[in-house]
Amino acid sequence: MAKKQKEVAVEQSQVVEQPKRVEPTNKKSNDGWEIKDRLYYLANNESPVSRSIRSSGVMWFDEEKGYERELKHTHNQKTIFVDEMVGDQRLAHIVFRNGVLQVPKNKQPLQKLLSLYHPHKDVLYHEYMPVKEAEDEMQILEMEADALITARDLDIDLAEAIMRVEIGSKVTELSSKELKRDLLVFAKKSPKLFLELVSDDNVQLRNFGIRSVELGIIKLSQDQRDFYWASNNRKLMTVPFDEHPYTALAHWFKTDEGMEIYANIEKRLNS
């Protein structure tokens, strides 16, 4: 009798044991395609009440088969490939509402049309990918931080050269503090462009040429075809056809003759 009671006690303890929780996971098909709900949104942050994109007559070149295949989104077919469809084809529309389109995981043909084959992907619309978007956002933030640090430590001449690209001749009216402030604002607003300008030596040479003209050391002819010494009208260089005069001057400063003139102008600017 005591033995039976012991066995019952063991059975009761097993009943109250809590089962382990299994978290749901998205499944993957044999070709690596992930079965999950997907979200798509219109490019350029557009959010009209309703926006349709093409759902039939979409052509996709199949490299394995060696020819173009027609794609179509339908209500009653299990495939988007027209040459695989059987029976009647009831055309379905692809409509974004308020700029977004949610496609549940049971709509695999539509998901594959939008994610893999549609020619308007990454043109008219994008697929929302949290990991990729987080990586992109991180890269932008890191670039912005690099640009701000670079702008903070930039010497005044290069700062002037870069801001001249952004605001033109108005840069000469700025105080050093105003110039530094506007440089930081520019670096924060357009970090990629700012960093490209910092590494472009032609930007500084262009600014050097513009300052030389503004201060009356050299001059540009009215037809913007030739540069001269302002003091004696001796021609320094001729601007090549269809090239911006100050871009041409920046390139010329890198030649043997141009380097000598650059050194001469630099002495006059610093005197």
C-alpha atoms as a PDB file:
ATOM      1  CA  MET A   1       0.000   0.000   0.000  1.00  0.00           C
ATOM      2  CA  ALA A   2       2.801   2.419   0.848  1.00  0.00           C
ATOM      3  CA  LYS A   3       4.531   1.591  -2.462  1.00  0.00           C
ATOM      4  CA  LYS A   4       1.463   2.616  -4.469  1.00  0.00           C
ATOM      5  CA  GLN A   5       1.211   5.954  -2.638  1.00  0.00           C
ATOM      6  CA  LYS A   6       4.827   6.685  -3.494  1.00  0.00           C
ATOM      7  CA  GLU A   7       4.216   6.024  -7.188  1.00  0.00           C
ATOM      8  CA  VAL A   8       1.204   8.361  -7.232  1.00  0.00           C
ATOM      9  CA  ALA A   9       3.253  11.135  -5.632  1.00  0.00           C
ATOM     10  CA  VAL A  10       5.872  10.827  -8.352  1.00  0.00           C
ATOM     11  CA  GLU A  11       3.231  11.019 -11.077  1.00  0.00           C
ATOM     12  CA  GLN A  12       1.701  14.173  -9.540  1.00  0.00           C
ATOM     13  CA  SER A  13       5.098  15.919  -9.405  1.00  0.00           C
ATOM     14  CA  GLN A  14       5.598  15.227 -13.111  1.00  0.00           C
ATOM     15  CA  VAL A  15       2.215  16.734 -13.990  1.00  0.00           C
ATOM     16  CA  VAL A  16       3.002  20.142 -12.449  1.00  0.00           C
ATOM     17  CA  GLU A  17       6.367  20.461 -14.240  1.00  0.00           C
ATOM     18  CA  GLN A  18       6.293  23.570 -16.473  1.00  0.00           C
ATOM     19  CA  PRO A  19       6.938  22.912 -20.187  1.00  0.00           C
ATOM     20  CA  LYS A  20       9.704  24.903 -21.868  1.00  0.00           C
ATOM     21  CA  ARG A  21       8.486  27.805 -24.017  1.00  0.00           C
ATOM     22  CA  VAL A  22       9.404  27.578 -27.686  1.00  0.00           C
ATOM     23  CA  GLU A  23       9.683  30.980 -29.388  1.00  0.00           C
ATOM     24  CA  PRO A  24       8.091  31.154 -32.849  1.00  0.00           C
ATOM     25  CA  THR A  25      10.624  31.520 -35.678  1.00  0.00           C
ATOM     26  CA  ASN A  26      10.277  32.424 -39.331  1.00  0.00           C
ATOM     27  CA  LYS A  27      10.780  29.431 -41.565  1.00  0.00           C
ATOM     28  CA  LYS A  28      13.023  29.298 -44.598  1.00  0.00           C
ATOM     29  CA  SER A  29      12.305  27.416 -47.801  1.00  0.00           C
ATOM     30  CA  ASN A  30      14.905  25.242 -49.503  1.00  0.00           C
ATOM     31  CA  ASP A  31      16.158  28.138 -51.638  1.00  0.00           C
ATOM     32  CA  GLY A  32      16.822  30.332 -48.561  1.00  0.00           C
ATOM     33  CA  TRP A  33      13.677  32.454 -48.952  1.00  0.00           C
ATOM     34  CA  GLU A  34      12.358  33.433 -45.521  1.00  0.00           C
ATOM     35  CA  ILE A  35       8.655  32.845 -44.865  1.00  0.00           C
ATOM     36  CA  LYS A  36       7.488  35.895 -42.933  1.00  0.00           C
ATOM     37  CA  ASP A  37       5.206  38.937 -43.064  1.00  0.00           C
ATOM     38  CA  ARG A  38       6.720  41.722 -45.181  1.00  0.00           C
ATOM     39  CA  LEU A  39       6.232  45.473 -45.350  1.00  0.00           C
ATOM     40  CA  TYR A  40       6.836  47.702 -48.360  1.00  0.00           C
ATOM     41  CA  TYR A  41       6.830  51.504 -48.510  1.00  0.00           C
ATOM     42  CA  LEU A  42       6.916  54.086 -51.288  1.00  0.00           C
ATOM     43  CA  ALA A  43      10.184  55.814 -52.103  1.00  0.00           C
ATOM     44  CA  ASN A  44      10.933  59.424 -51.114  1.00  0.00           C
ATOM     45  CA  ASN A  45       8.599  59.169 -48.101  1.00  0.00           C
ATOM     46  CA  GLU A  46       5.560  59.531 -50.350  1.00  0.00           C
ATOM     47  CA  SER A  47       2.261  58.743 -48.631  1.00  0.00           C
ATOM     48  CA  PRO A  48      -0.685  59.265 -50.991  1.00  0.00           C
ATOM     49  CA  VAL A  49      -4.035  57.833 -49.940  1.00  0.00           C
ATOM     50  CA  SER A  50      -3.766  55.277 -52.719  1.00  0.00           C
ATOM     51  CA  ARG A  51      -1.007  54.393 -55.178  1.00  0.00           C
ATOM     52  CA  SER A  52      -1.057  51.425 -57.567  1.00  0.00           C
ATOM     53  CA  ILE A  53       1.913  49.834 -59.254  1.00  0.00           C
ATOM     54  CA  ARG A  54       1.922  47.505 -62.237  1.00  0.00           C
ATOM     55  CA  SER A  55       0.622  44.015 -61.475  1.00  0.00           C
ATOM     56  CA  SER A  56       0.595  42.516 -64.994  1.00  0.00           C
ATOM     57  CA  GLY A  57       2.735  42.699 -68.105  1.00  0.00           C
ATOM     58  CA  VAL A  58       5.844  42.633 -65.910  1.00  0.00           C
ATOM     59  CA  MET A  59       8.769  41.033 -67.718  1.00  0.00           C
ATOM     60  CA  TRP A  60      11.713  39.311 -66.031  1.00  0.00           C
ATOM     61  CA  PHE A  61      14.699  37.709 -67.739  1.00  0.00           C
ATOM     62  CA  ASP A  62      15.245  34.144 -66.504  1.00  0.00           C
ATOM     63  CA  GLU A  63      18.964  33.439 -66.908  1.00  0.00           C
ATOM     64  CA  GLU A  64      18.522  29.704 -66.367  1.00  0.00           C
ATOM     65  CA  LYS A  65      15.879  29.388 -69.083  1.00  0.00           C
ATOM     66  CA  GLY A  66      17.468  32.020 -71.314  1.00  0.00           C
ATOM     67  CA  TYR A  67      14.375  34.093 -72.094  1.00  0.00           C
ATOM     68  CA  GLU A  68      12.057  36.733 -70.662  1.00  0.00           C
ATOM     69  CA  ARG A  69       9.077  35.513 -68.665  1.00  0.00           C
ATOM     70  CA  GLU A  70       5.877  37.413 -68.042  1.00  0.00           C
ATOM     71  CA  LEU A  71       4.825  37.932 -64.419  1.00  0.00           C
ATOM     72  CA  LYS A  72       1.340  38.614 -63.128  1.00  0.00           C
ATOM     73  CA  HIS A  73      -0.325  39.046 -59.713  1.00  0.00           C
ATOM     74  CA  THR A  74      -3.622  37.147 -59.547  1.00  0.00           C
ATOM     75  CA  HIS A  75      -6.279  36.132 -57.016  1.00  0.00           C
ATOM     76  CA  ASN A  76      -6.515  32.479 -58.039  1.00  0.00           C
ATOM     77  CA  GLN A  77      -3.048  31.289 -59.109  1.00  0.00           C
ATOM     78  CA  LYS A  78      -0.270  29.812 -56.977  1.00  0.00           C
ATOM     79  CA  THR A  79       2.486  31.316 -59.119  1.00  0.00           C
ATOM     80  CA  ILE A  80       3.371  34.701 -60.608  1.00  0.00           C
ATOM     81  CA  PHE A  81       4.859  33.169 -63.783  1.00  0.00           C
ATOM     82  CA  VAL A  82       2.263  33.299 -66.544  1.00  0.00           C
ATOM     83  CA  ASP A  83       3.770  30.271 -68.331  1.00  0.00           C
ATOM     84  CA  GLU A  84       3.134  28.184 -65.181  1.00  0.00           C
ATOM     85  CA  MET A  85      -0.470  29.289 -64.613  1.00  0.00           C
ATOM     86  CA  VAL A  86      -3.360  26.880 -65.157  1.00  0.00           C
ATOM     87  CA  GLY A  87      -6.900  27.902 -66.105  1.00  0.00           C
ATOM     88  CA  ASP A  88      -8.432  31.347 -65.768  1.00  0.00           C
ATOM     89  CA  GLN A  89      -6.333  34.201 -64.422  1.00  0.00           C
ATOM     90  CA  ARG A  90      -8.149  36.690 -62.183  1.00  0.00           C
ATOM     91  CA  LEU A  91      -5.943  39.782 -62.161  1.00  0.00           C
ATOM     92  CA  ALA A  92      -5.323  41.409 -58.753  1.00  0.00           C
ATOM     93  CA  HIS A  93      -4.155  44.970 -58.118  1.00  0.00           C
ATOM     94  CA  ILE A  94      -1.112  46.011 -56.076  1.00  0.00           C
ATOM     95  CA  VAL A  95      -2.122  49.063 -54.056  1.00  0.00           C
ATOM     96  CA  PHE A  96      -0.150  51.055 -51.465  1.00  0.00           C
ATOM     97  CA  ARG A  97      -2.346  52.748 -48.860  1.00  0.00           C
ATOM     98  CA  ASN A  98      -0.927  55.886 -47.249  1.00  0.00           C
ATOM     99  CA  GLY A  99       2.461  54.956 -48.661  1.00  0.00           C
ATOM    100  CA  VAL A 100       2.699  51.412 -47.296  1.00  0.00           C
ATOM    101  CA  LEU A 101       1.717  47.890 -48.298  1.00  0.00           C
ATOM    102  CA  GLN A 102       1.629  45.026 -45.782  1.00  0.00           C
ATOM    103  CA  VAL A 103       1.793  41.551 -47.295  1.00  0.00           C
ATOM    104  CA  PRO A 104       1.212  38.616 -44.887  1.00  0.00           C
ATOM    105  CA  LYS A 105       3.337  35.476 -45.121  1.00  0.00           C
ATOM    106  CA  ASN A 106       0.502  33.459 -46.672  1.00  0.00           C
ATOM    107  CA  LYS A 107       0.744  35.673 -49.805  1.00  0.00           C
ATOM    108  CA  GLN A 108       4.033  34.214 -51.024  1.00  0.00           C
ATOM    109  CA  PRO A 109       3.551  34.836 -54.765  1.00  0.00           C
ATOM    110  CA  LEU A 110       2.919  38.554 -54.193  1.00  0.00           C
ATOM    111  CA  GLN A 111       5.856  38.817 -51.782  1.00  0.00           C
ATOM    112  CA  LYS A 112       8.230  37.242 -54.298  1.00  0.00           C
ATOM    113  CA  LEU A 113       6.940  39.479 -57.084  1.00  0.00           C
ATOM    114  CA  LEU A 114       7.596  42.577 -54.968  1.00  0.00           C
ATOM    115  CA  SER A 115      10.861  41.456 -53.344  1.00  0.00           C
ATOM    116  CA  LEU A 116      12.608  39.577 -56.142  1.00  0.00           C
ATOM    117  CA  TYR A 117      11.271  40.377 -59.594  1.00  0.00           C
ATOM    118  CA  HIS A 118       9.386  43.661 -59.884  1.00  0.00           C
ATOM    119  CA  PRO A 119      11.350  46.296 -61.877  1.00  0.00           C
ATOM    120  CA  HIS A 120      10.014  49.102 -59.660  1.00  0.00           C
ATOM    121  CA  LYS A 121      11.649  47.724 -56.495  1.00  0.00           C
ATOM    122  CA  ASP A 122      14.084  50.301 -55.058  1.00  0.00           C
ATOM    123  CA  VAL A 123      12.785  52.778 -57.632  1.00  0.00           C
ATOM    124  CA  LEU A 124       9.142  53.419 -56.750  1.00  0.00           C
ATOM    125  CA  TYR A 125       9.131  51.457 -53.504  1.00  0.00           C
ATOM    126  CA  HIS A 126      11.405  49.675 -50.992  1.00  0.00           C
ATOM    127  CA  GLU A 127      11.077  46.644 -48.796  1.00  0.00           C
ATOM    128  CA  TYR A 128      11.377  47.397 -45.090  1.00  0.00           C
ATOM    129  CA  MET A 129      14.400  45.549 -43.703  1.00  0.00           C
ATOM    130  CA  PRO A 130      15.044  46.497 -40.050  1.00  0.00           C
ATOM    131  CA  VAL A 131      18.607  45.144 -39.872  1.00  0.00           C
ATOM    132  CA  LYS A 132      19.738  46.771 -43.124  1.00  0.00           C
ATOM    133  CA  GLU A 133      18.074  50.068 -42.252  1.00  0.00           C
ATOM    134  CA  ALA A 134      19.729  50.045 -38.831  1.00  0.00           C
ATOM    135  CA  GLU A 135      23.116  49.462 -40.501  1.00  0.00           C
ATOM    136  CA  ASP A 136      22.478  52.297 -42.967  1.00  0.00           C
ATOM    137  CA  GLU A 137      21.406  54.635 -40.178  1.00  0.00           C
ATOM    138  CA  MET A 138      24.517  53.738 -38.167  1.00  0.00           C
ATOM    139  CA  GLN A 139      26.746  54.493 -41.159  1.00  0.00           C
ATOM    140  CA  ILE A 140      25.057  57.863 -41.620  1.00  0.00           C
ATOM    141  CA  LEU A 141      25.482  58.725 -37.931  1.00  0.00           C
ATOM    142  CA  GLU A 142      29.152  57.704 -37.985  1.00  0.00           C
ATOM    143  CA  MET A 143      29.727  59.770 -41.132  1.00  0.00           C
ATOM    144  CA  GLU A 144      28.013  62.746 -39.507  1.00  0.00           C
ATOM    145  CA  ALA A 145      30.217  62.388 -36.419  1.00  0.00           C
ATOM    146  CA  ASP A 146      33.373  62.187 -38.588  1.00  0.00           C
ATOM    147  CA  ALA A 147      32.285  65.266 -40.538  1.00  0.00           C
ATOM    148  CA  LEU A 148      31.612  67.307 -37.387  1.00  0.00           C
ATOM    149  CA  ILE A 149      34.963  66.368 -35.831  1.00  0.00           C
ATOM    150  CA  THR A 150      36.753  67.232 -39.080  1.00  0.00           C
ATOM    151  CA  ALA A 151      34.891  70.545 -39.364  1.00  0.00           C
ATOM    152  CA  ARG A 152      35.758  71.470 -35.781  1.00  0.00           C
ATOM    153  CA  ASP A 153      39.490  71.002 -36.381  1.00  0.00           C
ATOM    154  CA  LEU A 154      39.655  72.413 -39.929  1.00  0.00           C
ATOM    155  CA  ASP A 155      42.020  75.315 -40.587  1.00  0.00           C
ATOM    156  CA  ILE A 156      40.432  78.606 -41.625  1.00  0.00           C
ATOM    157  CA  ASP A 157      41.688  78.627 -45.232  1.00  0.00           C
ATOM    158  CA  LEU A 158      40.251  75.224 -46.060  1.00  0.00           C
ATOM    159  CA  ALA A 159      37.055  76.119 -44.191  1.00  0.00           C
ATOM    160  CA  GLU A 160      36.701  79.174 -46.424  1.00  0.00           C
ATOM    161  CA  ALA A 161      37.374  77.091 -49.541  1.00  0.00           C
ATOM    162  CA  ILE A 162      34.657  74.581 -48.631  1.00  0.00           C
ATOM    163  CA  MET A 163      32.076  77.193 -47.676  1.00  0.00           C
ATOM    164  CA  ARG A 164      32.739  79.050 -50.911  1.00  0.00           C
ATOM    165  CA  VAL A 165      31.468  75.936 -52.714  1.00  0.00           C
ATOM    166  CA  GLU A 166      28.309  76.100 -50.583  1.00  0.00           C
ATOM    167  CA  ILE A 167      27.512  79.850 -50.449  1.00  0.00           C
ATOM    168  CA  GLY A 168      29.778  81.446 -53.074  1.00  0.00           C
ATOM    169  CA  SER A 169      31.335  84.890 -52.660  1.00  0.00           C
ATOM    170  CA  LYS A 170      29.235  85.612 -49.534  1.00  0.00           C
ATOM    171  CA  VAL A 171      31.899  83.712 -47.616  1.00  0.00           C
ATOM    172  CA  THR A 172      34.114  86.822 -47.655  1.00  0.00           C
ATOM    173  CA  GLU A 173      31.491  88.691 -45.585  1.00  0.00           C
ATOM    174  CA  LEU A 174      31.596  86.183 -42.713  1.00  0.00           C
ATOM    175  CA  SER A 175      33.592  86.596 -39.536  1.00  0.00           C
ATOM    176  CA  SER A 176      35.770  83.666 -38.451  1.00  0.00           C
ATOM    177  CA  LYS A 177      33.170  82.567 -35.891  1.00  0.00           C
ATOM    178  CA  GLU A 178      30.342  82.825 -38.411  1.00  0.00           C
ATOM    179  CA  LEU A 179      32.421  80.827 -40.882  1.00  0.00           C
ATOM    180  CA  LYS A 180      33.106  78.114 -38.294  1.00  0.00           C
ATOM    181  CA  ARG A 181      29.433  77.954 -37.316  1.00  0.00           C
ATOM    182  CA  ASP A 182      28.247  77.669 -40.922  1.00  0.00           C
ATOM    183  CA  LEU A 183      30.897  75.039 -41.584  1.00  0.00           C
ATOM    184  CA  LEU A 184      29.610  72.883 -38.714  1.00  0.00           C
ATOM    185  CA  VAL A 185      26.015  73.290 -39.911  1.00  0.00           C
ATOM    186  CA  PHE A 186      27.061  72.288 -43.443  1.00  0.00           C
ATOM    187  CA  ALA A 187      28.988  69.255 -42.140  1.00  0.00           C
ATOM    188  CA  LYS A 188      25.956  68.094 -40.135  1.00  0.00           C
ATOM    189  CA  LYS A 189      23.507  68.650 -43.001  1.00  0.00           C
ATOM    190  CA  SER A 190      25.622  67.124 -45.804  1.00  0.00           C
ATOM    191  CA  PRO A 191      28.350  64.986 -44.172  1.00  0.00           C
ATOM    192  CA  LYS A 192      29.155  62.951 -47.300  1.00  0.00           C
ATOM    193  CA  LEU A 193      29.591  66.014 -49.524  1.00  0.00           C
ATOM    194  CA  PHE A 194      31.562  67.813 -46.807  1.00  0.00           C
ATOM    195  CA  LEU A 195      34.050  64.949 -46.409  1.00  0.00           C
ATOM    196  CA  GLU A 196      34.448  64.694 -50.186  1.00  0.00           C
ATOM    197  CA  LEU A 197      35.246  68.414 -50.398  1.00  0.00           C
ATOM    198  CA  VAL A 198      37.784  68.174 -47.576  1.00  0.00           C
ATOM    199  CA  SER A 199      39.712  65.484 -49.458  1.00  0.00           C
ATOM    200  CA  ASP A 200      39.532  67.318 -52.821  1.00  0.00           C
ATOM    201  CA  ASP A 201      42.642  69.467 -53.230  1.00  0.00           C
ATOM    202  CA  ASN A 202      41.072  71.235 -56.232  1.00  0.00           C
ATOM    203  CA  VAL A 203      38.577  72.877 -53.855  1.00  0.00           C
ATOM    204  CA  GLN A 204      41.368  74.717 -52.047  1.00  0.00           C
ATOM    205  CA  LEU A 205      43.124  75.620 -55.286  1.00  0.00           C
ATOM    206  CA  ARG A 206      39.886  76.998 -56.741  1.00  0.00           C
ATOM    207  CA  ASN A 207      39.398  79.116 -53.633  1.00  0.00           C
ATOM    208  CA  PHE A 208      43.004  80.306 -53.887  1.00  0.00           C
ATOM    209  CA  GLY A 209      42.366  81.427 -57.466  1.00  0.00           C
ATOM    210  CA  ILE A 210      39.100  83.179 -56.582  1.00  0.00           C
ATOM    211  CA  ARG A 211      40.739  85.046 -53.687  1.00  0.00           C
ATOM    212  CA  SER A 212      43.573  86.094 -55.983  1.00  0.00           C
ATOM    213  CA  VAL A 213      41.074  87.646 -58.387  1.00  0.00           C
ATOM    214  CA  GLU A 214      38.996  89.243 -55.600  1.00  0.00           C
ATOM    215  CA  LEU A 215      42.123  90.867 -54.157  1.00  0.00           C
ATOM    216  CA  GLY A 216      43.240  92.153 -57.544  1.00  0.00           C
ATOM    217  CA  ILE A 217      46.428  90.097 -57.870  1.00  0.00           C
ATOM    218  CA  ILE A 218      45.311  88.365 -61.056  1.00  0.00           C
ATOM    219  CA  LYS A 219      42.282  89.021 -63.236  1.00  0.00           C
ATOM    220  CA  LEU A 220      39.941  87.066 -65.476  1.00  0.00           C
ATOM    221  CA  SER A 221      39.013  88.468 -68.879  1.00  0.00           C
ATOM    222  CA  GLN A 222      35.408  89.490 -69.481  1.00  0.00           C
ATOM    223  CA  ASP A 223      34.837  86.555 -71.825  1.00  0.00           C
ATOM    224  CA  GLN A 224      36.251  84.282 -69.066  1.00  0.00           C
ATOM    225  CA  ARG A 225      38.779  82.817 -71.481  1.00  0.00           C
ATOM    226  CA  ASP A 226      42.116  84.104 -70.068  1.00  0.00           C
ATOM    227  CA  PHE A 227      43.829  84.907 -66.753  1.00  0.00           C
ATOM    228  CA  TYR A 228      46.288  87.824 -66.528  1.00  0.00           C
ATOM    229  CA  TRP A 229      48.563  89.476 -63.996  1.00  0.00           C
ATOM    230  CA  ALA A 230      46.571  92.502 -62.826  1.00  0.00           C
ATOM    231  CA  SER A 231      49.711  94.636 -62.545  1.00  0.00           C
ATOM    232  CA  ASN A 232      50.949  94.387 -66.156  1.00  0.00           C
ATOM    233  CA  ASN A 233      48.272  92.449 -68.084  1.00  0.00           C
ATOM    234  CA  ARG A 234      50.678  89.625 -68.886  1.00  0.00           C
ATOM    235  CA  LYS A 235      48.694  86.505 -69.821  1.00  0.00           C
ATOM    236  CA  LEU A 236      49.089  83.613 -67.442  1.00  0.00           C
ATOM    237  CA  MET A 237      46.885  80.949 -69.027  1.00  0.00           C
ATOM    238  CA  THR A 238      43.995  80.312 -71.425  1.00  0.00           C
ATOM    239  CA  VAL A 239      40.939  78.442 -70.177  1.00  0.00           C
ATOM    240  CA  PRO A 240      40.241  75.267 -72.213  1.00  0.00           C
ATOM    241  CA  PHE A 241      36.971  75.203 -74.119  1.00  0.00           C
ATOM    242  CA  ASP A 242      33.888  74.146 -72.096  1.00  0.00           C
ATOM    243  CA  GLU A 243      35.782  74.156 -68.767  1.00  0.00           C
ATOM    244  CA  HIS A 244      34.966  76.318 -65.770  1.00  0.00           C
ATOM    245  CA  PRO A 245      37.648  79.039 -65.495  1.00  0.00           C
ATOM    246  CA  TYR A 246      38.477  78.472 -61.829  1.00  0.00           C
ATOM    247  CA  THR A 247      38.514  74.699 -62.235  1.00  0.00           C
ATOM    248  CA  ALA A 248      40.943  75.154 -65.128  1.00  0.00           C
ATOM    249  CA  LEU A 249      43.037  77.516 -63.022  1.00  0.00           C
ATOM    250  CA  ALA A 250      43.166  74.978 -60.167  1.00  0.00           C
ATOM    251  CA  HIS A 251      44.442  72.309 -62.577  1.00  0.00           C
ATOM    252  CA  TRP A 252      46.960  74.757 -64.055  1.00  0.00           C
ATOM    253  CA  PHE A 253      48.380  75.531 -60.606  1.00  0.00           C
ATOM    254  CA  LYS A 254      49.562  71.896 -60.519  1.00  0.00           C
ATOM    255  CA  THR A 255      51.742  72.300 -63.623  1.00  0.00           C
ATOM    256  CA  ASP A 256      55.397  73.386 -63.430  1.00  0.00           C
ATOM    257  CA  GLU A 257      54.610  76.901 -64.672  1.00  0.00           C
ATOM    258  CA  GLY A 258      51.495  77.129 -62.526  1.00  0.00           C
ATOM    259  CA  MET A 259      53.362  76.129 -59.357  1.00  0.00           C
ATOM    260  CA  GLU A 260      55.749  79.053 -59.834  1.00  0.00           C
ATOM    261  CA  ILE A 261      52.848  81.475 -60.261  1.00  0.00           C
ATOM    262  CA  TYR A 262      51.087  79.915 -57.254  1.00  0.00           C
ATOM    263  CA  ALA A 263      54.161  80.527 -55.076  1.00  0.00           C
ATOM    264  CA  ASN A 264      54.379  84.119 -56.342  1.00  0.00           C
ATOM    265  CA  ILE A 265      50.707  84.796 -55.588  1.00  0.00           C
ATOM    266  CA  GLU A 266      51.006  83.164 -52.175  1.00  0.00           C
ATOM    267  CA  LYS A 267      53.809  85.575 -51.226  1.00  0.00           C
ATOM    268  CA  ARG A 268      51.672  88.530 -52.273  1.00  0.00           C
ATOM    269  CA  LEU A 269      48.665  87.247 -50.294  1.00  0.00           C
ATOM    270  CA  ASN A 270      50.788  86.830 -47.159  1.00  0.00           C
ATOM    271  CA  SER A 271      52.659  90.149 -47.494  1.00  0.00           C
END
